[in-house]
């Protein structure tokens, strides 16, 4: 006869499952970017896949492959190309084709005379270089890592789409909360993903485009490059693309173009900044609201873990965590109500 009863055996199995699960999570930590990216793309392209399969009667495998190719063309390749553009351009900042040294001397002279900061531009450039190095580690370090991450991502995405019913049924079966709460969580997760990825992407592209146009009109060299930089930093709510107009205006003032400096500063802080607020209001009404605090804290969480992808993944993870807390609190309150109903007559 076994020395363990039924409950003890279940507890031992549960502890074993938890320990093995922790080990598997640790072992798969290198694939975390692929897993999270697959979840994001699955959430975004799920409606399109269902439309192609259920409405148009397409083959599941064909629809999944076309969605994978489409996401590569529309999302991945442009993102990697822009990132490589930024890295290459930063590497050529000290060349004659880009008058960064001349700008630095003039801005330092202007800052020393008017702001009592004789090395303002030099120190700012050093900080910018260190920040960019932290922002793009996954692209600077190795192209092989990017390829492996993408292979893992699309391998997972393919089977998540082709076997969608089994995948979603498994999530419902093993979810640690009731089915109605699981469906509520799925809806909130979808809205959070749309808000963080699609919504913020629209804002970033709009702000970057407006910034490039403003720089071009003001005569700032490499306006397209600075527009790309504006796209990336638009994911930072406190900083944002309009803040790039401040150093650009200082450069214009230092190079005796005061009128252009004033106009560019007003264009950036008043127009681009207000466009940002207007777009956020429209996006929040349609696809969900991500609080700026979540974005800020999420960026600080995501950058050390994922590099530049942390601009998206960080806020997304934090939003998912807060959603789980909300579901947990809903389950706890429901359990307390049931317990009061059960014990009420006895009390």
Protein backbone atom coordinates (compact mmCIF):
# COMPACT_ATOMS: atom_id res chain seq x y z
CA UNK A 1 0.00 0.00 0.00
CA UNK A 2 1.33 3.44 -0.91
CA UNK A 3 2.54 5.66 1.92
CA UNK A 4 1.00 8.66 0.12
CA UNK A 5 -2.70 9.37 -0.11
CA UNK A 6 -4.42 10.80 -3.16
CA UNK A 7 -4.03 14.45 -2.12
CA UNK A 8 -0.34 14.05 -1.26
CA UNK A 9 0.38 12.41 -4.59
CA UNK A 10 -1.35 15.27 -6.40
CA UNK A 11 0.69 17.81 -4.43
CA UNK A 12 3.93 16.03 -5.35
CA UNK A 13 2.90 15.99 -9.03
CA UNK A 14 2.02 19.70 -8.84
CA UNK A 15 5.41 20.58 -7.32
CA UNK A 16 7.13 18.49 -10.01
CA UNK A 17 5.16 20.28 -12.73
CA UNK A 18 6.12 23.68 -11.32
CA UNK A 19 9.82 22.79 -11.05
CA UNK A 20 9.91 21.30 -14.54
CA UNK A 21 7.98 24.28 -15.91
CA UNK A 22 10.49 26.71 -14.38
CA UNK A 23 13.34 24.71 -15.92
CA UNK A 24 11.66 24.75 -19.33
CA UNK A 25 11.06 28.50 -19.12
CA UNK A 26 14.74 29.02 -18.29
CA UNK A 27 15.82 26.70 -21.12
CA UNK A 28 13.58 28.51 -23.61
CA UNK A 29 14.56 32.02 -22.48
CA UNK A 30 16.53 32.48 -25.70
CA UNK A 31 13.33 31.94 -27.69
CA UNK A 32 11.27 34.37 -25.64
CA UNK A 33 11.45 37.06 -28.32
CA UNK A 34 10.23 34.53 -30.90
CA UNK A 35 7.37 33.38 -28.66
CA UNK A 36 6.23 36.89 -27.81
CA UNK A 37 6.57 38.02 -31.42
CA UNK A 38 4.50 35.05 -32.59
CA UNK A 39 1.76 35.93 -30.09
CA UNK A 40 1.75 39.55 -31.29
CA UNK A 41 1.55 38.62 -34.98
CA UNK A 42 -1.06 35.93 -34.28
CA UNK A 43 -3.23 38.50 -32.51
CA UNK A 44 -2.84 41.01 -35.34
CA UNK A 45 -3.36 38.65 -38.28
CA UNK A 46 -5.95 36.29 -36.73
CA UNK A 47 -8.95 38.19 -38.23
CA UNK A 48 -7.34 38.16 -41.67
CA UNK A 49 -6.60 34.43 -41.45
CA UNK A 50 -10.18 33.65 -40.43
CA UNK A 51 -11.47 35.80 -43.29
CA UNK A 52 -9.32 34.00 -45.85
CA UNK A 53 -10.14 30.51 -44.54
CA UNK A 54 -13.82 30.87 -43.60
CA UNK A 55 -15.08 33.49 -46.05
CA UNK A 56 -12.82 32.92 -49.05
CA UNK A 57 -12.40 29.15 -48.46
CA UNK A 58 -8.63 29.28 -48.81
CA UNK A 59 -6.41 26.40 -47.77
CA UNK A 60 -5.15 26.95 -44.21
CA UNK A 61 -1.50 26.32 -45.05
CA UNK A 62 -1.62 28.66 -48.05
CA UNK A 63 -3.29 31.42 -46.02
CA UNK A 64 -0.71 31.05 -43.24
CA UNK A 65 2.22 31.21 -45.69
CA UNK A 66 0.82 34.31 -47.41
CA UNK A 67 0.32 36.02 -44.05
CA UNK A 68 3.91 35.18 -43.08
CA UNK A 69 5.24 36.58 -46.37
CA UNK A 70 3.06 39.66 -46.00
CA UNK A 71 4.27 40.36 -42.46
CA UNK A 72 7.86 39.99 -43.64
CA UNK A 73 7.33 42.53 -46.42
CA UNK A 74 5.19 45.00 -44.47
CA UNK A 75 6.67 44.80 -40.95
CA UNK A 76 9.95 42.90 -40.54
CA UNK A 77 11.97 43.95 -43.59
CA UNK A 78 11.13 47.70 -43.28
CA UNK A 79 11.87 47.61 -39.54
CA UNK A 80 15.25 45.90 -40.02
CA UNK A 81 16.11 48.18 -42.95
CA UNK A 82 15.36 51.32 -40.95
CA UNK A 83 17.36 50.00 -37.99
CA UNK A 84 20.37 49.25 -40.19
CA UNK A 85 20.01 52.70 -41.77
CA UNK A 86 20.18 54.31 -38.33
CA UNK A 87 23.24 52.28 -37.29
CA UNK A 88 25.13 52.99 -40.52
CA UNK A 89 24.29 56.68 -40.38
CA UNK A 90 25.40 57.00 -36.78
CA UNK A 91 28.66 55.32 -37.76
CA UNK A 92 29.25 58.04 -40.36
CA UNK A 93 28.43 61.03 -38.17
CA UNK A 94 32.04 62.15 -38.00
CA UNK A 95 32.57 62.11 -41.76
CA UNK A 96 32.74 65.24 -43.87
CA UNK A 97 29.38 64.48 -45.50
CA UNK A 98 27.68 65.13 -42.18
CA UNK A 99 28.77 68.44 -40.51
CA UNK A 100 28.42 67.11 -36.98
CA UNK A 101 31.78 68.48 -35.82
CA UNK A 102 30.95 71.94 -37.12
CA UNK A 103 27.54 71.82 -35.45
CA UNK A 104 29.07 70.65 -32.19
CA UNK A 105 31.54 73.55 -32.04
CA UNK A 106 28.87 76.13 -32.87
CA UNK A 107 26.34 74.74 -30.40
CA UNK A 108 28.97 74.54 -27.65
CA UNK A 109 29.94 78.15 -28.33
CA UNK A 110 26.28 79.22 -28.26
CA UNK A 111 25.60 77.21 -25.07
CA UNK A 112 28.70 78.62 -23.36
CA UNK A 113 27.70 82.20 -24.16
CA UNK A 114 23.98 81.97 -23.35
CA UNK A 115 23.43 78.89 -21.15
CA UNK A 116 26.74 78.61 -19.25
CA UNK A 117 27.13 75.05 -20.61
CA UNK A 118 30.41 75.06 -22.62
CA UNK A 119 30.31 71.33 -23.54
CA UNK A 120 26.57 70.82 -23.95
CA UNK A 121 26.69 69.32 -27.47
CA UNK A 122 29.76 67.18 -26.82
CA UNK A 123 28.33 65.61 -23.68
CA UNK A 124 24.94 65.11 -25.33
CA UNK A 125 26.54 63.28 -28.26
CA UNK A 126 28.41 60.95 -25.92
CA UNK A 127 25.20 60.10 -24.08
CA UNK A 128 23.36 59.61 -27.38
CA UNK A 129 26.02 57.20 -28.61
CA UNK A 130 25.76 55.08 -25.47
CA UNK A 131 21.97 55.11 -25.61
CA UNK A 132 21.86 54.04 -29.25
CA UNK A 133 24.33 51.23 -28.55
CA UNK A 134 21.95 49.91 -25.88
CA UNK A 135 18.93 50.43 -28.14
CA UNK A 136 20.19 48.36 -31.07
CA UNK A 137 22.18 45.51 -29.45
CA UNK A 138 20.28 42.74 -31.22
CA UNK A 139 21.11 44.19 -34.62
CA UNK A 140 24.68 45.23 -33.86
CA UNK A 141 25.68 41.97 -32.17
CA UNK A 142 24.81 39.33 -34.74
CA UNK A 143 22.68 38.86 -37.81
CA UNK A 144 22.56 35.14 -37.02
CA UNK A 145 20.55 35.82 -33.86
CA UNK A 146 18.01 37.80 -35.86
CA UNK A 147 17.62 35.01 -38.41
CA UNK A 148 17.17 32.38 -35.67
CA UNK A 149 14.65 34.58 -33.87
CA UNK A 150 12.64 35.07 -37.06
CA UNK A 151 12.75 31.36 -37.90
CA UNK A 152 11.46 30.47 -34.44
CA UNK A 153 8.82 33.20 -34.61
CA UNK A 154 7.40 32.15 -37.97
CA UNK A 155 7.62 28.45 -37.15
CA UNK A 156 5.41 29.06 -34.12
CA UNK A 157 3.13 31.46 -35.99
CA UNK A 158 2.54 28.97 -38.80
CA UNK A 159 1.26 26.24 -36.47
CA UNK A 160 -0.66 28.73 -34.33
CA UNK A 161 -2.59 29.74 -37.46
CA UNK A 162 -2.97 26.35 -39.15
CA UNK A 163 -4.00 24.66 -35.89
CA UNK A 164 -5.86 27.66 -34.53
CA UNK A 165 -8.85 25.78 -33.11
CA UNK A 166 -6.69 23.28 -31.24
CA UNK A 167 -4.39 26.06 -30.03
CA UNK A 168 -7.22 28.23 -28.69
CA UNK A 169 -9.05 25.22 -27.23
CA UNK A 170 -5.88 24.26 -25.37
CA UNK A 171 -5.53 27.77 -23.99
CA UNK A 172 -9.12 27.69 -22.73
CA UNK A 173 -8.67 24.22 -21.26
CA UNK A 174 -5.52 25.00 -19.29
CA UNK A 175 -6.28 28.63 -18.46
CA UNK A 176 -6.28 29.13 -14.67
CA UNK A 177 -9.67 30.87 -14.73
CA UNK A 178 -13.20 30.27 -15.92
CA UNK A 179 -14.11 30.29 -19.60
CA UNK A 180 -15.99 33.60 -19.49
CA UNK A 181 -13.01 35.23 -17.77
CA UNK A 182 -10.66 33.62 -20.29
CA UNK A 183 -12.68 35.10 -23.16
CA UNK A 184 -12.67 38.47 -21.44
CA UNK A 185 -8.90 38.21 -21.01
CA UNK A 186 -8.50 37.31 -24.70
CA UNK A 187 -10.47 40.40 -25.74
CA UNK A 188 -8.47 42.64 -23.40
CA UNK A 189 -5.22 41.07 -24.64
CA UNK A 190 -6.23 41.75 -28.24
CA UNK A 191 -7.08 45.38 -27.47
CA UNK A 192 -3.83 45.84 -25.56
CA UNK A 193 -1.82 44.38 -28.44
CA UNK A 194 -3.56 46.60 -30.98
CA UNK A 195 -3.03 49.67 -28.80
CA UNK A 196 0.66 49.00 -28.15
CA UNK A 197 1.64 47.73 -31.61
CA UNK A 198 -0.75 49.09 -34.24
CA UNK A 199 -1.76 52.26 -32.42
CA UNK A 200 1.72 53.26 -31.37
CA UNK A 201 3.03 52.28 -34.82
CA UNK A 202 0.61 54.71 -36.49
CA UNK A 203 1.68 57.47 -34.10
CA UNK A 204 5.36 56.76 -34.68
CA UNK A 205 5.09 56.80 -38.49
CA UNK A 206 3.02 59.99 -38.44
CA UNK A 207 5.37 61.83 -36.10
CA UNK A 208 8.47 60.64 -37.95
CA UNK A 209 7.06 61.75 -41.29
CA UNK A 210 6.09 65.19 -39.97
CA UNK A 211 9.48 65.58 -38.32
CA UNK A 212 11.27 64.72 -41.58
CA UNK A 213 9.15 67.28 -43.46
CA UNK A 214 9.87 69.93 -40.84
CA UNK A 215 13.61 69.28 -40.94
CA UNK A 216 13.61 69.32 -44.73
CA UNK A 217 11.79 72.68 -44.81
CA UNK A 218 14.24 74.11 -42.25
CA UNK A 219 17.24 72.96 -44.27
CA UNK A 220 18.50 70.37 -41.76
CA UNK A 221 20.66 67.78 -43.61
CA UNK A 222 19.53 64.14 -43.73
CA UNK A 223 15.90 64.92 -42.91
CA UNK A 224 14.84 61.34 -43.71
CA UNK A 225 17.38 59.95 -41.24
CA UNK A 226 16.08 62.19 -38.47
CA UNK A 227 12.53 61.23 -39.39
CA UNK A 228 13.46 57.57 -38.82
CA UNK A 229 15.00 58.49 -35.46
CA UNK A 230 11.74 60.31 -34.67
CA UNK A 231 9.77 57.14 -35.46
CA UNK A 232 11.78 55.14 -32.94
CA UNK A 233 11.70 57.65 -30.09
CA UNK A 234 7.97 58.24 -30.62
CA UNK A 235 7.54 55.04 -28.62
CA UNK A 236 8.86 56.99 -25.61
CA UNK A 237 5.93 59.02 -24.22
CA UNK A 238 8.07 61.41 -22.16
CA UNK A 239 10.58 62.09 -24.94
CA UNK A 240 8.74 61.75 -28.25
CA UNK A 241 9.67 62.96 -31.71
CA UNK A 242 8.89 66.67 -31.03
CA UNK A 243 11.82 66.92 -28.63
CA UNK A 244 14.23 66.46 -31.57
CA UNK A 245 13.14 69.90 -32.73
CA UNK A 246 14.79 71.43 -29.66
CA UNK A 247 18.43 70.56 -30.50
CA UNK A 248 17.71 71.21 -34.19
CA UNK A 249 16.44 74.68 -33.31
CA UNK A 250 19.54 75.31 -31.18
CA UNK A 251 21.67 74.35 -34.18
CA UNK A 252 19.73 76.80 -36.37
CA UNK A 253 20.14 79.55 -33.78
CA UNK A 254 23.86 78.80 -33.51
CA UNK A 255 24.25 78.99 -37.29
CA UNK A 256 22.45 82.37 -37.53
CA UNK A 257 19.09 81.05 -38.74
CA UNK A 258 16.96 82.34 -35.87
CA UNK A 259 13.69 82.56 -37.84
CA UNK A 260 13.95 78.96 -39.03
CA UNK A 261 14.82 77.92 -35.48
CA UNK A 262 11.71 79.57 -34.04
CA UNK A 263 9.45 78.14 -36.74
CA UNK A 264 10.86 74.62 -36.40
CA UNK A 265 10.52 74.72 -32.62
CA UNK A 266 6.91 75.91 -32.86
CA UNK A 267 6.14 73.28 -35.53
CA UNK A 268 7.56 70.49 -33.39
CA UNK A 269 6.18 71.38 -29.98
CA UNK A 270 2.81 72.75 -31.06
CA UNK A 271 1.84 70.87 -34.23
CA UNK A 272 3.59 67.48 -33.98
CA UNK A 273 2.87 67.31 -30.25
CA UNK A 274 -0.83 68.03 -30.73
CA UNK A 275 -1.08 65.55 -33.61
CA UNK A 276 0.27 62.97 -31.17
CA UNK A 277 -2.45 63.76 -28.62
CA UNK A 278 -5.18 63.74 -31.29
CA UNK A 279 -4.09 60.36 -32.68
CA UNK A 280 -3.91 58.86 -29.18
CA UNK A 281 -7.45 60.03 -28.48
CA UNK A 282 -8.75 58.46 -31.71
CA UNK A 283 -6.84 55.21 -31.16
CA UNK A 284 -7.97 54.90 -27.55
CA UNK A 285 -11.61 55.18 -28.63
CA UNK A 286 -11.29 52.52 -31.33
CA UNK A 287 -8.85 49.86 -30.14
CA UNK A 288 -8.02 50.46 -26.48
CA UNK A 289 -6.11 52.67 -24.12
CA UNK A 290 -2.54 52.20 -22.92
CA UNK A 291 -1.69 54.53 -20.05
CA UNK A 292 1.53 56.56 -20.57
CA UNK A 293 2.91 55.23 -17.27
CA UNK A 294 2.64 51.67 -18.63
CA UNK A 295 4.51 52.75 -21.76
CA UNK A 296 7.30 54.45 -19.81
CA UNK A 297 7.85 51.64 -17.29
CA UNK A 298 7.44 49.03 -20.04
CA UNK A 299 10.19 50.64 -22.12
CA UNK A 300 12.59 50.53 -19.16
CA UNK A 301 11.70 46.85 -18.70
CA UNK A 302 11.90 45.94 -22.38
CA UNK A 303 15.07 47.67 -23.57
CA UNK A 304 17.55 45.64 -21.46
CA UNK A 305 15.77 42.40 -22.39
CA UNK A 306 14.97 42.85 -26.08
CA UNK A 307 16.98 45.82 -27.33
CA UNK A 308 15.00 48.03 -29.69
CA UNK A 309 12.15 45.49 -29.76
CA UNK A 310 11.68 46.34 -26.09
CA UNK A 311 10.05 49.59 -27.19
CA UNK A 312 7.07 47.40 -28.17
CA UNK A 313 7.53 44.23 -26.11
CA UNK A 314 8.14 45.99 -22.78
CA UNK A 315 4.81 47.87 -22.59
CA UNK A 316 3.09 44.81 -24.03
CA UNK A 317 4.40 42.50 -21.30
CA UNK A 318 3.48 44.97 -18.60
CA UNK A 319 -0.03 45.31 -20.04
CA UNK A 320 -0.42 41.52 -20.09
CA UNK A 321 0.76 41.33 -16.48
CA UNK A 322 -1.78 43.93 -15.36
CA UNK A 323 -4.52 42.09 -17.26
CA UNK A 324 -3.67 38.89 -15.39
CA UNK A 325 -3.84 40.77 -12.10
CA UNK A 326 -7.27 42.08 -13.07
CA UNK A 327 -8.51 38.58 -13.93
CA UNK A 328 -7.07 37.23 -10.68
CA UNK A 329 -8.87 39.91 -8.69
CA UNK A 330 -12.14 39.14 -10.53
CA UNK A 331 -11.79 35.42 -9.73
CA UNK A 332 -10.98 36.13 -6.09
CA UNK A 333 -14.02 38.36 -5.64
CA UNK A 334 -16.26 35.79 -7.36
CA UNK A 335 -14.94 33.04 -5.07
CA UNK A 336 -15.60 35.20 -2.00
CA UNK A 337 -19.17 35.87 -3.11
CA UNK A 338 -19.81 32.16 -3.64
CA UNK A 339 -18.34 31.39 -0.23
CA UNK A 340 -20.57 33.96 1.45
CA UNK A 341 -23.62 32.56 -0.34
CA UNK A 342 -22.69 29.02 0.71
CA UNK A 343 -22.00 29.85 4.34
CA UNK A 344 -24.64 32.61 4.69
CA UNK A 345 -27.58 30.52 5.92
CA UNK A 346 -25.34 28.69 8.37
CA UNK A 347 -24.02 31.94 9.80
